[in-house]
């Protein structure tokens, strides 16, 4: 009886040790990316990288943090991008275009311009989201800065 308890205690100790090691190993793991947006325009290029936990990189600068509502919006956009991205949707710009966008996620890549014809709603929403993040979180004074 005492031997069985000792074996159980040893097994429990091993299990707890493995759990602690696994948790410590996960501390350095980078969360997966939701999407990468590259926008080009008259004032240069803007690159936004947003990860699953709301980490935000603006033009490669150190990570910032999205607010909870912004993260929910980013996740919804990423989910809606599934079909256009998997189809590698590319919409050409029309004359007078100012900004062009490339959005890449795990499903694929979408390319479009601010004035592309037949743009799905998700792409219009993405352009607005990028503008808001650029101004509010990346602190770029102008949309193309």
N, C-alpha and C. Protein backbone atom coordinates (compact mmCIF):
# COMPACT_ATOMS: atom_id res chain seq x y z
N UNK A 1 0.82 -1.18 0.00
CA UNK A 1 0.00 0.00 0.00
C UNK A 1 0.87 1.25 0.00
N UNK A 2 1.88 1.28 0.90
CA UNK A 2 2.76 2.42 0.98
C UNK A 2 3.55 2.57 -0.32
N UNK A 3 3.92 1.44 -0.94
CA UNK A 3 4.64 1.48 -2.21
C UNK A 3 3.80 2.07 -3.31
N UNK A 4 2.50 1.77 -3.33
CA UNK A 4 1.59 2.30 -4.36
C UNK A 4 1.44 3.80 -4.20
N UNK A 5 1.32 4.26 -2.96
CA UNK A 5 1.21 5.71 -2.71
C UNK A 5 2.48 6.43 -3.14
N UNK A 6 3.60 5.84 -2.85
CA UNK A 6 4.88 6.44 -3.23
C UNK A 6 5.02 6.52 -4.74
N UNK A 7 4.56 5.47 -5.43
CA UNK A 7 4.63 5.47 -6.90
C UNK A 7 3.71 6.54 -7.47
N UNK A 8 2.50 6.67 -6.89
CA UNK A 8 1.57 7.70 -7.35
C UNK A 8 2.14 9.09 -7.11
N UNK A 9 2.73 9.30 -5.95
CA UNK A 9 3.31 10.61 -5.62
C UNK A 9 4.45 10.93 -6.59
N UNK A 10 5.25 9.93 -6.90
CA UNK A 10 6.36 10.15 -7.83
C UNK A 10 5.82 10.48 -9.22
N UNK A 11 4.79 9.75 -9.65
CA UNK A 11 4.19 10.01 -10.97
C UNK A 11 3.58 11.40 -11.01
N UNK A 12 2.91 11.79 -9.92
CA UNK A 12 2.32 13.13 -9.85
C UNK A 12 3.41 14.19 -9.91
N UNK A 13 4.51 13.94 -9.22
CA UNK A 13 5.63 14.89 -9.25
C UNK A 13 6.20 15.04 -10.64
N UNK A 14 6.32 13.92 -11.35
CA UNK A 14 6.82 13.97 -12.73
C UNK A 14 5.86 14.75 -13.61
N UNK A 15 4.56 14.49 -13.48
CA UNK A 15 3.56 15.19 -14.28
C UNK A 15 3.60 16.69 -14.01
N UNK A 16 3.66 17.08 -12.74
CA UNK A 16 3.71 18.50 -12.41
C UNK A 16 4.98 19.14 -12.95
N UNK A 17 6.08 18.41 -12.89
CA UNK A 17 7.33 18.92 -13.44
C UNK A 17 7.25 19.14 -14.94
N UNK A 18 6.62 18.18 -15.66
CA UNK A 18 6.46 18.32 -17.10
C UNK A 18 5.56 19.51 -17.45
N UNK A 19 4.51 19.69 -16.69
CA UNK A 19 3.62 20.83 -16.92
C UNK A 19 4.36 22.14 -16.71
N UNK A 20 5.15 22.21 -15.65
CA UNK A 20 5.91 23.44 -15.37
C UNK A 20 6.92 23.71 -16.48
N UNK A 21 7.59 22.65 -16.97
CA UNK A 21 8.56 22.83 -18.06
C UNK A 21 7.86 23.30 -19.33
N UNK A 22 6.71 22.72 -19.63
CA UNK A 22 5.97 23.11 -20.83
C UNK A 22 5.53 24.56 -20.73
N UNK A 23 5.06 24.96 -19.57
CA UNK A 23 4.62 26.36 -19.40
C UNK A 23 5.80 27.30 -19.54
N UNK A 24 6.93 26.95 -19.00
CA UNK A 24 8.10 27.81 -19.11
C UNK A 24 8.57 27.90 -20.55
N UNK A 25 8.48 26.81 -21.27
CA UNK A 25 8.88 26.80 -22.68
C UNK A 25 7.99 27.64 -23.55
N UNK A 26 6.74 27.78 -23.18
CA UNK A 26 5.79 28.56 -23.97
C UNK A 26 5.97 30.06 -23.77
N UNK A 27 6.67 30.45 -22.73
CA UNK A 27 6.81 31.87 -22.43
C UNK A 27 7.50 32.62 -23.56
N UNK A 28 8.39 31.98 -24.30
CA UNK A 28 9.10 32.65 -25.37
C UNK A 28 8.47 32.45 -26.74
N UNK A 29 7.32 31.84 -26.81
CA UNK A 29 6.68 31.56 -28.09
C UNK A 29 5.97 32.80 -28.59
N UNK A 30 6.20 33.13 -29.86
CA UNK A 30 5.57 34.29 -30.48
C UNK A 30 4.15 33.91 -30.93
N UNK A 31 3.15 34.73 -30.62
CA UNK A 31 1.79 34.41 -31.07
C UNK A 31 1.69 34.48 -32.59
N UNK A 32 0.81 33.70 -33.17
CA UNK A 32 0.67 33.71 -34.64
C UNK A 32 0.13 35.06 -35.13
N UNK A 33 0.47 35.38 -36.36
CA UNK A 33 0.02 36.63 -36.95
C UNK A 33 -1.41 36.50 -37.46
N UNK A 34 -2.19 37.58 -37.30
CA UNK A 34 -3.51 37.64 -37.93
C UNK A 34 -3.34 38.01 -39.39
N UNK A 35 -2.65 39.13 -39.62
CA UNK A 35 -2.39 39.54 -41.00
C UNK A 35 -1.30 40.59 -41.06
N UNK A 36 -0.76 40.75 -42.26
CA UNK A 36 0.23 41.76 -42.57
C UNK A 36 -0.35 42.63 -43.67
N UNK A 37 -0.34 43.94 -43.47
CA UNK A 37 -0.86 44.88 -44.47
C UNK A 37 0.29 45.76 -44.93
N UNK A 38 0.44 45.86 -46.24
CA UNK A 38 1.39 46.81 -46.83
C UNK A 38 0.58 47.79 -47.65
N UNK A 39 0.68 49.05 -47.27
CA UNK A 39 -0.03 50.11 -48.00
C UNK A 39 1.00 51.04 -48.61
N UNK A 40 0.84 51.36 -49.87
CA UNK A 40 1.74 52.34 -50.50
C UNK A 40 0.89 53.49 -51.02
N UNK A 41 1.51 54.66 -51.02
CA UNK A 41 0.81 55.86 -51.46
C UNK A 41 1.78 57.00 -51.64
N UNK A 42 1.25 58.21 -51.78
CA UNK A 42 2.08 59.36 -52.10
C UNK A 42 3.11 59.71 -51.03
N UNK A 43 2.84 59.35 -49.79
CA UNK A 43 3.76 59.70 -48.70
C UNK A 43 4.62 58.52 -48.26
N UNK A 44 4.67 57.48 -49.05
CA UNK A 44 5.51 56.34 -48.71
C UNK A 44 4.72 55.11 -48.38
N UNK A 45 5.43 54.16 -47.79
CA UNK A 45 4.87 52.84 -47.50
C UNK A 45 4.57 52.71 -46.01
N UNK A 46 3.48 52.03 -45.71
CA UNK A 46 3.11 51.70 -44.34
C UNK A 46 2.98 50.19 -44.26
N UNK A 47 3.63 49.60 -43.27
CA UNK A 47 3.51 48.17 -43.04
C UNK A 47 2.97 47.95 -41.64
N UNK A 48 1.86 47.23 -41.55
CA UNK A 48 1.25 46.89 -40.26
C UNK A 48 1.25 45.38 -40.11
N UNK A 49 1.74 44.90 -39.00
CA UNK A 49 1.70 43.49 -38.67
C UNK A 49 0.92 43.36 -37.37
N UNK A 50 -0.14 42.56 -37.41
CA UNK A 50 -0.99 42.39 -36.23
C UNK A 50 -1.02 40.90 -35.89
N UNK A 51 -0.73 40.59 -34.61
CA UNK A 51 -0.74 39.19 -34.20
C UNK A 51 -2.02 38.85 -33.43
N UNK A 52 -2.17 37.58 -33.16
CA UNK A 52 -3.38 37.02 -32.54
C UNK A 52 -3.68 37.62 -31.16
N UNK A 53 -2.67 38.10 -30.47
CA UNK A 53 -2.88 38.65 -29.13
C UNK A 53 -3.01 40.17 -29.14
N UNK A 54 -3.06 40.78 -30.34
CA UNK A 54 -3.23 42.22 -30.43
C UNK A 54 -1.94 42.99 -30.52
N UNK A 55 -0.82 42.28 -30.68
CA UNK A 55 0.44 42.97 -30.88
C UNK A 55 0.42 43.66 -32.24
N UNK A 56 0.96 44.87 -32.29
CA UNK A 56 0.95 45.68 -33.51
C UNK A 56 2.35 46.20 -33.77
N UNK A 57 2.84 45.98 -34.97
CA UNK A 57 4.12 46.56 -35.41
C UNK A 57 3.80 47.54 -36.53
N UNK A 58 4.25 48.78 -36.38
CA UNK A 58 4.07 49.83 -37.39
C UNK A 58 5.41 50.07 -38.06
N UNK A 59 5.50 49.77 -39.33
CA UNK A 59 6.74 49.96 -40.09
C UNK A 59 7.94 49.33 -39.38
N UNK A 60 7.73 48.17 -38.79
CA UNK A 60 8.81 47.45 -38.15
C UNK A 60 9.18 47.94 -36.76
N UNK A 61 8.54 48.99 -36.28
CA UNK A 61 8.85 49.50 -34.94
C UNK A 61 8.36 48.52 -33.88
N UNK A 62 8.90 48.67 -32.68
CA UNK A 62 8.56 47.79 -31.57
C UNK A 62 7.06 47.63 -31.41
N UNK A 63 6.69 46.50 -30.90
CA UNK A 63 5.27 46.15 -30.79
C UNK A 63 4.50 47.09 -29.88
N UNK A 64 3.33 47.46 -30.35
CA UNK A 64 2.35 48.20 -29.56
C UNK A 64 1.24 47.21 -29.25
N UNK A 65 0.21 47.65 -28.59
CA UNK A 65 -0.91 46.77 -28.25
C UNK A 65 -2.22 47.40 -28.70
N UNK A 66 -3.02 46.63 -29.46
CA UNK A 66 -4.35 47.08 -29.85
C UNK A 66 -5.28 47.04 -28.64
N UNK A 67 -6.28 47.88 -28.65
CA UNK A 67 -7.31 47.80 -27.62
C UNK A 67 -8.15 46.55 -27.89
N UNK A 68 -8.92 46.13 -26.90
CA UNK A 68 -9.76 44.95 -27.09
C UNK A 68 -10.74 45.12 -28.26
N UNK A 69 -11.43 46.27 -28.38
CA UNK A 69 -12.33 46.43 -29.53
C UNK A 69 -11.59 46.39 -30.88
N UNK A 70 -10.38 46.95 -30.92
CA UNK A 70 -9.60 46.91 -32.16
C UNK A 70 -9.19 45.47 -32.48
N UNK A 71 -8.83 44.71 -31.47
CA UNK A 71 -8.44 43.31 -31.69
C UNK A 71 -9.62 42.50 -32.20
N UNK A 72 -10.79 42.74 -31.64
CA UNK A 72 -12.00 42.05 -32.11
C UNK A 72 -12.26 42.41 -33.57
N UNK A 73 -12.10 43.67 -33.90
CA UNK A 73 -12.30 44.12 -35.28
C UNK A 73 -11.26 43.47 -36.20
N UNK A 74 -10.01 43.40 -35.77
CA UNK A 74 -8.96 42.79 -36.59
C UNK A 74 -9.24 41.31 -36.82
N UNK A 75 -9.68 40.61 -35.79
CA UNK A 75 -10.01 39.19 -35.94
C UNK A 75 -11.18 38.99 -36.89
N UNK A 76 -12.18 39.87 -36.81
CA UNK A 76 -13.33 39.77 -37.72
C UNK A 76 -12.88 40.01 -39.16
N UNK A 77 -12.02 41.00 -39.37
CA UNK A 77 -11.51 41.27 -40.72
C UNK A 77 -10.74 40.07 -41.25
N UNK A 78 -9.89 39.49 -40.40
CA UNK A 78 -9.10 38.34 -40.82
C UNK A 78 -10.01 37.17 -41.21
N UNK A 79 -11.06 36.97 -40.45
CA UNK A 79 -12.00 35.89 -40.76
C UNK A 79 -12.70 36.14 -42.09
N UNK A 80 -13.12 37.39 -42.33
CA UNK A 80 -13.81 37.74 -43.57
C UNK A 80 -12.88 37.70 -44.78
N UNK A 81 -11.58 37.83 -44.55
CA UNK A 81 -10.61 37.78 -45.65
C UNK A 81 -10.41 36.38 -46.20
N UNK A 82 -10.90 35.37 -45.49
CA UNK A 82 -10.65 33.98 -45.86
C UNK A 82 -10.87 33.66 -47.32
N UNK A 83 -12.04 33.93 -47.85
CA UNK A 83 -12.35 33.58 -49.24
C UNK A 83 -11.56 34.43 -50.23
N UNK A 84 -11.57 35.76 -50.13
CA UNK A 84 -10.78 36.53 -51.10
C UNK A 84 -9.29 36.18 -51.06
N UNK A 85 -8.74 35.95 -49.86
CA UNK A 85 -7.32 35.63 -49.75
C UNK A 85 -7.01 34.26 -50.34
N UNK A 86 -7.86 33.28 -50.07
CA UNK A 86 -7.61 31.94 -50.61
C UNK A 86 -7.73 31.93 -52.13
N UNK A 87 -8.51 32.87 -52.67
CA UNK A 87 -8.65 32.99 -54.13
C UNK A 87 -7.57 33.89 -54.71
N UNK A 88 -6.67 34.42 -53.86
CA UNK A 88 -5.59 35.33 -54.29
C UNK A 88 -6.17 36.51 -55.07
N UNK A 89 -7.24 37.10 -54.55
CA UNK A 89 -7.95 38.18 -55.22
C UNK A 89 -7.02 39.37 -55.48
N UNK A 90 -6.98 39.83 -56.72
CA UNK A 90 -6.22 41.02 -57.10
C UNK A 90 -7.14 41.92 -57.91
N UNK A 91 -7.35 43.13 -57.40
CA UNK A 91 -8.21 44.10 -58.07
C UNK A 91 -7.35 45.28 -58.51
N UNK A 92 -7.33 45.58 -59.81
CA UNK A 92 -6.48 46.67 -60.30
C UNK A 92 -7.03 48.04 -59.88
N UNK A 93 -6.12 49.01 -59.78
CA UNK A 93 -6.57 50.37 -59.47
C UNK A 93 -7.20 51.01 -60.70
N UNK A 94 -8.09 51.95 -60.46
CA UNK A 94 -8.64 52.77 -61.54
C UNK A 94 -7.85 54.07 -61.58
N UNK A 95 -8.00 54.83 -62.63
CA UNK A 95 -7.30 56.12 -62.69
C UNK A 95 -7.65 56.98 -61.48
N UNK A 96 -6.65 57.65 -60.94
CA UNK A 96 -6.85 58.51 -59.78
C UNK A 96 -6.62 57.81 -58.45
N UNK A 97 -6.21 56.56 -58.48
CA UNK A 97 -5.96 55.82 -57.24
C UNK A 97 -4.86 56.51 -56.43
N UNK A 98 -5.02 56.52 -55.10
CA UNK A 98 -4.04 57.13 -54.22
C UNK A 98 -3.28 56.05 -53.44
N UNK A 99 -3.99 55.09 -52.87
CA UNK A 99 -3.36 54.06 -52.05
C UNK A 99 -3.58 52.69 -52.66
N UNK A 100 -2.54 51.85 -52.53
CA UNK A 100 -2.68 50.45 -52.90
C UNK A 100 -2.36 49.60 -51.67
N UNK A 101 -3.00 48.45 -51.59
CA UNK A 101 -2.91 47.59 -50.41
C UNK A 101 -2.57 46.16 -50.83
N UNK A 102 -1.75 45.51 -50.00
CA UNK A 102 -1.51 44.07 -50.08
C UNK A 102 -1.74 43.55 -48.68
N UNK A 103 -2.64 42.59 -48.56
CA UNK A 103 -2.95 42.01 -47.26
C UNK A 103 -2.66 40.52 -47.35
N UNK A 104 -1.84 40.05 -46.42
CA UNK A 104 -1.48 38.63 -46.41
C UNK A 104 -1.86 38.03 -45.08
N UNK A 105 -2.53 36.88 -45.13
CA UNK A 105 -2.83 36.11 -43.93
C UNK A 105 -2.56 34.65 -44.24
N UNK A 106 -2.95 33.77 -43.33
CA UNK A 106 -2.65 32.35 -43.52
C UNK A 106 -3.36 31.75 -44.73
N UNK A 107 -4.42 32.39 -45.21
CA UNK A 107 -5.18 31.87 -46.35
C UNK A 107 -4.56 32.26 -47.69
N UNK A 108 -3.85 33.37 -47.72
CA UNK A 108 -3.28 33.85 -48.98
C UNK A 108 -3.11 35.35 -48.96
N UNK A 109 -3.13 35.94 -50.15
CA UNK A 109 -2.87 37.37 -50.30
C UNK A 109 -3.96 38.02 -51.13
N UNK A 110 -4.31 39.24 -50.75
CA UNK A 110 -5.27 40.07 -51.47
C UNK A 110 -4.55 41.37 -51.83
N UNK A 111 -4.75 41.83 -53.06
CA UNK A 111 -4.18 43.11 -53.49
C UNK A 111 -5.31 43.95 -54.09
N UNK A 112 -5.36 45.22 -53.69
CA UNK A 112 -6.41 46.11 -54.17
C UNK A 112 -5.97 47.55 -54.00
N UNK A 113 -6.71 48.45 -54.59
CA UNK A 113 -6.44 49.88 -54.46
C UNK A 113 -7.64 50.54 -53.79
N UNK A 114 -7.43 51.77 -53.34
CA UNK A 114 -8.51 52.49 -52.68
C UNK A 114 -9.72 52.67 -53.58
N UNK A 115 -9.52 52.68 -54.90
CA UNK A 115 -10.65 52.89 -55.81
C UNK A 115 -10.89 51.72 -56.76
N UNK A 116 -10.43 50.54 -56.39
CA UNK A 116 -10.68 49.35 -57.23
C UNK A 116 -12.17 49.13 -57.39
N UNK A 117 -12.56 48.74 -58.58
CA UNK A 117 -13.97 48.42 -58.85
C UNK A 117 -14.33 47.07 -58.23
N UNK A 118 -15.57 46.91 -57.89
CA UNK A 118 -16.12 45.64 -57.38
C UNK A 118 -15.38 45.14 -56.14
N UNK A 119 -15.00 46.06 -55.28
CA UNK A 119 -14.28 45.70 -54.06
C UNK A 119 -15.27 45.13 -53.04
N UNK A 120 -15.00 43.93 -52.50
CA UNK A 120 -15.87 43.40 -51.44
C UNK A 120 -15.83 44.30 -50.21
N UNK A 121 -16.88 44.25 -49.42
CA UNK A 121 -17.00 45.08 -48.23
C UNK A 121 -15.83 44.90 -47.28
N UNK A 122 -15.32 43.69 -47.15
CA UNK A 122 -14.20 43.44 -46.24
C UNK A 122 -12.98 44.27 -46.62
N UNK A 123 -12.78 44.53 -47.91
CA UNK A 123 -11.62 45.31 -48.33
C UNK A 123 -11.82 46.80 -48.04
N UNK A 124 -13.04 47.28 -48.17
CA UNK A 124 -13.33 48.66 -47.78
C UNK A 124 -13.13 48.83 -46.28
N UNK A 125 -13.59 47.84 -45.51
CA UNK A 125 -13.42 47.87 -44.05
C UNK A 125 -11.95 47.78 -43.67
N UNK A 126 -11.18 47.00 -44.41
CA UNK A 126 -9.75 46.87 -44.13
C UNK A 126 -9.04 48.21 -44.36
N UNK A 127 -9.37 48.89 -45.45
CA UNK A 127 -8.75 50.18 -45.74
C UNK A 127 -9.05 51.18 -44.62
N UNK A 128 -10.28 51.21 -44.13
CA UNK A 128 -10.64 52.10 -43.03
C UNK A 128 -9.90 51.71 -41.75
N UNK A 129 -9.84 50.43 -41.46
CA UNK A 129 -9.13 49.94 -40.28
C UNK A 129 -7.66 50.37 -40.32
N UNK A 130 -7.02 50.21 -41.47
CA UNK A 130 -5.62 50.59 -41.62
C UNK A 130 -5.45 52.09 -41.38
N UNK A 131 -6.32 52.89 -41.94
CA UNK A 131 -6.27 54.35 -41.74
C UNK A 131 -6.36 54.70 -40.26
N UNK A 132 -7.33 54.10 -39.58
CA UNK A 132 -7.53 54.39 -38.16
C UNK A 132 -6.33 53.96 -37.31
N UNK A 133 -5.80 52.78 -37.57
CA UNK A 133 -4.65 52.28 -36.82
C UNK A 133 -3.43 53.17 -37.09
N UNK A 134 -3.24 53.54 -38.36
CA UNK A 134 -2.10 54.39 -38.72
C UNK A 134 -2.13 55.70 -37.96
N UNK A 135 -3.29 56.30 -37.85
CA UNK A 135 -3.40 57.59 -37.18
C UNK A 135 -3.43 57.46 -35.65
N UNK A 136 -4.23 56.55 -35.13
CA UNK A 136 -4.44 56.47 -33.69
C UNK A 136 -3.33 55.73 -32.96
N UNK A 137 -2.84 54.63 -33.53
CA UNK A 137 -1.89 53.78 -32.82
C UNK A 137 -0.45 53.96 -33.29
N UNK A 138 -0.27 54.13 -34.59
CA UNK A 138 1.08 54.33 -35.11
C UNK A 138 1.47 55.80 -35.05
N UNK A 139 0.50 56.66 -34.77
CA UNK A 139 0.72 58.10 -34.62
C UNK A 139 1.30 58.73 -35.88
N UNK A 140 0.78 58.31 -37.02
CA UNK A 140 1.15 58.92 -38.28
C UNK A 140 0.14 60.03 -38.54
N UNK A 141 0.61 61.23 -38.75
CA UNK A 141 -0.28 62.39 -38.84
C UNK A 141 -1.15 62.39 -40.08
N UNK A 142 -0.65 61.86 -41.16
CA UNK A 142 -1.40 61.83 -42.41
C UNK A 142 -1.62 60.38 -42.82
N UNK A 143 -2.70 60.07 -43.56
CA UNK A 143 -2.98 58.70 -43.95
C UNK A 143 -1.81 58.03 -44.66
N UNK A 144 -1.02 58.73 -45.41
CA UNK A 144 0.06 58.09 -46.13
C UNK A 144 1.41 58.28 -45.48
N UNK A 145 1.43 58.86 -44.30
CA UNK A 145 2.71 59.15 -43.65
C UNK A 145 3.39 57.89 -43.17
